[in-house]
């Protein structure tokens, strides 16, 4: 099943693309750049940009470490620390709700 993830950018609607597309076990990310946030610059050298781009191979481990406690292992907002939180953790599997938010504002 394919799922589209929006960043909320108006360019997505105008250009007809999504920030990320989840297709089975694969995640395809668009517009990821090697921006150096420490220096607030981006290199003119594409090879250097590639070296600076985020390494998404650790995403699953990062989610487990930093997100699953509230969002749950499947992302449904039912993690062990979710009880009593106001607002409750987002259900990341709710495509309609997630389509209304930026991935950076979740």
C-alpha atoms as a PDB file:
ATOM      1  CA  UNK A   1       0.000   0.000   0.000  1.00  0.00           C
ATOM      2  CA  UNK A   2       1.369   3.380  -0.978  1.00  0.00           C
ATOM      3  CA  UNK A   3       1.041   6.325   1.434  1.00  0.00           C
ATOM      4  CA  UNK A   4       1.910   9.947   0.677  1.00  0.00           C
ATOM      5  CA  UNK A   5       3.402  12.218   3.353  1.00  0.00           C
ATOM      6  CA  UNK A   6       3.119  15.981   2.929  1.00  0.00           C
ATOM      7  CA  UNK A   7       5.346  18.651   4.402  1.00  0.00           C
ATOM      8  CA  UNK A   8       2.542  21.188   3.961  1.00  0.00           C
ATOM      9  CA  UNK A   9       4.481  23.113   1.343  1.00  0.00           C
ATOM     10  CA  UNK A  10       2.326  24.885  -1.266  1.00  0.00           C
ATOM     11  CA  UNK A  11       4.843  23.687  -3.860  1.00  0.00           C
ATOM     12  CA  UNK A  12       3.714  20.099  -3.316  1.00  0.00           C
ATOM     13  CA  UNK A  13       0.231  20.854  -4.617  1.00  0.00           C
ATOM     14  CA  UNK A  14       1.543  23.054  -7.415  1.00  0.00           C
ATOM     15  CA  UNK A  15       4.224  20.568  -8.483  1.00  0.00           C
ATOM     16  CA  UNK A  16       2.233  17.408  -7.809  1.00  0.00           C
ATOM     17  CA  UNK A  17       4.719  15.689  -5.527  1.00  0.00           C
ATOM     18  CA  UNK A  18       4.889  14.531  -1.912  1.00  0.00           C
ATOM     19  CA  UNK A  19       7.652  15.108   0.620  1.00  0.00           C
ATOM     20  CA  UNK A  20       7.826  11.364   1.129  1.00  0.00           C
ATOM     21  CA  UNK A  21       6.131   8.273  -0.253  1.00  0.00           C
ATOM     22  CA  UNK A  22       5.861   5.091   1.795  1.00  0.00           C
ATOM     23  CA  UNK A  23       5.503   2.004  -0.374  1.00  0.00           C
ATOM     24  CA  UNK A  24       5.602  -1.243   1.577  1.00  0.00           C
ATOM     25  CA  UNK A  25       8.838  -1.317   3.546  1.00  0.00           C
ATOM     26  CA  UNK A  26      10.403   1.466   1.440  1.00  0.00           C
ATOM     27  CA  UNK A  27      10.339   5.209   2.104  1.00  0.00           C
ATOM     28  CA  UNK A  28      11.190   7.568  -0.770  1.00  0.00           C
ATOM     29  CA  UNK A  29      12.068  11.101   0.345  1.00  0.00           C
ATOM     30  CA  UNK A  30      11.971  14.089  -2.016  1.00  0.00           C
ATOM     31  CA  UNK A  31      13.865  17.314  -1.617  1.00  0.00           C
ATOM     32  CA  UNK A  32      16.385  16.066   0.931  1.00  0.00           C
ATOM     33  CA  UNK A  33      19.458  18.236   0.673  1.00  0.00           C
ATOM     34  CA  UNK A  34      22.858  18.381   2.260  1.00  0.00           C
ATOM     35  CA  UNK A  35      22.196  21.662   4.031  1.00  0.00           C
ATOM     36  CA  UNK A  36      24.730  22.321   6.785  1.00  0.00           C
ATOM     37  CA  UNK A  37      22.543  23.559   9.647  1.00  0.00           C
ATOM     38  CA  UNK A  38      25.536  24.336  11.855  1.00  0.00           C
ATOM     39  CA  UNK A  39      26.902  26.825   9.311  1.00  0.00           C
ATOM     40  CA  UNK A  40      23.498  27.590   7.708  1.00  0.00           C
ATOM     41  CA  UNK A  41      24.989  27.010   4.267  1.00  0.00           C
ATOM     42  CA  UNK A  42      24.794  24.550   1.392  1.00  0.00           C
ATOM     43  CA  UNK A  43      27.828  23.616  -0.643  1.00  0.00           C
ATOM     44  CA  UNK A  44      27.964  24.251  -4.385  1.00  0.00           C
ATOM     45  CA  UNK A  45      29.641  20.825  -4.704  1.00  0.00           C
ATOM     46  CA  UNK A  46      27.034  18.036  -5.244  1.00  0.00           C
ATOM     47  CA  UNK A  47      29.392  15.440  -3.749  1.00  0.00           C
ATOM     48  CA  UNK A  48      29.697  17.503  -0.560  1.00  0.00           C
ATOM     49  CA  UNK A  49      25.907  17.934  -0.461  1.00  0.00           C
ATOM     50  CA  UNK A  50      25.588  14.144  -0.640  1.00  0.00           C
ATOM     51  CA  UNK A  51      27.958  13.705   2.296  1.00  0.00           C
ATOM     52  CA  UNK A  52      25.929  16.246   4.320  1.00  0.00           C
ATOM     53  CA  UNK A  53      22.485  14.791   3.485  1.00  0.00           C
ATOM     54  CA  UNK A  54      20.648  13.057   6.333  1.00  0.00           C
ATOM     55  CA  UNK A  55      21.373   9.349   6.692  1.00  0.00           C
ATOM     56  CA  UNK A  56      17.928   7.760   6.814  1.00  0.00           C
ATOM     57  CA  UNK A  57      19.272   4.266   7.505  1.00  0.00           C
ATOM     58  CA  UNK A  58      18.971   4.929  11.231  1.00  0.00           C
ATOM     59  CA  UNK A  59      15.347   6.143  10.997  1.00  0.00           C
ATOM     60  CA  UNK A  60      13.777   2.950  12.399  1.00  0.00           C
ATOM     61  CA  UNK A  61      16.129   2.897  15.383  1.00  0.00           C
ATOM     62  CA  UNK A  62      15.610   6.628  15.930  1.00  0.00           C
ATOM     63  CA  UNK A  63      11.826   6.129  15.898  1.00  0.00           C
ATOM     64  CA  UNK A  64      12.076   3.281  18.396  1.00  0.00           C
ATOM     65  CA  UNK A  65      14.316   5.334  20.678  1.00  0.00           C
ATOM     66  CA  UNK A  66      12.607   8.727  20.486  1.00  0.00           C
ATOM     67  CA  UNK A  67       9.029   8.268  19.257  1.00  0.00           C
ATOM     68  CA  UNK A  68       7.580   4.826  20.028  1.00  0.00           C
ATOM     69  CA  UNK A  69       7.190   5.514  23.736  1.00  0.00           C
ATOM     70  CA  UNK A  70       4.322   7.911  22.901  1.00  0.00           C
ATOM     71  CA  UNK A  71       3.308   7.001  19.322  1.00  0.00           C
ATOM     72  CA  UNK A  72       3.586   3.215  19.828  1.00  0.00           C
ATOM     73  CA  UNK A  73       5.529   0.676  17.814  1.00  0.00           C
ATOM     74  CA  UNK A  74       3.048   0.885  14.901  1.00  0.00           C
ATOM     75  CA  UNK A  75       2.621   4.685  15.121  1.00  0.00           C
ATOM     76  CA  UNK A  76      -0.992   4.606  16.280  1.00  0.00           C
ATOM     77  CA  UNK A  77      -0.502   6.985  19.230  1.00  0.00           C
ATOM     78  CA  UNK A  78      -0.872   4.174  21.753  1.00  0.00           C
ATOM     79  CA  UNK A  79       2.612   3.950  23.249  1.00  0.00           C
ATOM     80  CA  UNK A  80       3.090   3.261  26.968  1.00  0.00           C
ATOM     81  CA  UNK A  81       3.674   6.958  27.768  1.00  0.00           C
ATOM     82  CA  UNK A  82       0.624   8.141  25.766  1.00  0.00           C
ATOM     83  CA  UNK A  83      -1.943   7.702  28.507  1.00  0.00           C
ATOM     84  CA  UNK A  84      -3.047  11.037  29.925  1.00  0.00           C
ATOM     85  CA  UNK A  85      -1.072  13.230  27.512  1.00  0.00           C
ATOM     86  CA  UNK A  86      -2.852  16.382  26.355  1.00  0.00           C
ATOM     87  CA  UNK A  87      -2.956  16.633  23.449  1.00  0.00           C
ATOM     88  CA  UNK A  88      -2.645  12.914  22.820  1.00  0.00           C
ATOM     89  CA  UNK A  89       0.136  11.692  20.522  1.00  0.00           C
ATOM     90  CA  UNK A  90      -0.805  11.769  16.851  1.00  0.00           C
ATOM     91  CA  UNK A  91      -1.858   8.563  15.133  1.00  0.00           C
ATOM     92  CA  UNK A  92       0.769   8.534  12.402  1.00  0.00           C
ATOM     93  CA  UNK A  93      -1.210   5.909  10.486  1.00  0.00           C
ATOM     94  CA  UNK A  94      -4.208   8.237  10.018  1.00  0.00           C
ATOM     95  CA  UNK A  95      -3.554   9.378   6.446  1.00  0.00           C
ATOM     96  CA  UNK A  96      -6.310  12.008   6.484  1.00  0.00           C
ATOM     97  CA  UNK A  97      -4.986  13.649   9.642  1.00  0.00           C
ATOM     98  CA  UNK A  98      -1.356  13.394   8.628  1.00  0.00           C
ATOM     99  CA  UNK A  99      -2.169  14.944   5.257  1.00  0.00           C
ATOM    100  CA  UNK A 100      -3.232  18.083   7.110  1.00  0.00           C
ATOM    101  CA  UNK A 101       0.115  18.522   8.848  1.00  0.00           C
ATOM    102  CA  UNK A 102       3.719  19.113   7.959  1.00  0.00           C
ATOM    103  CA  UNK A 103       6.033  16.192   8.755  1.00  0.00           C
ATOM    104  CA  UNK A 104       8.089  18.812  10.573  1.00  0.00           C
ATOM    105  CA  UNK A 105       5.153  19.800  12.793  1.00  0.00           C
ATOM    106  CA  UNK A 106       4.110  16.358  13.990  1.00  0.00           C
END
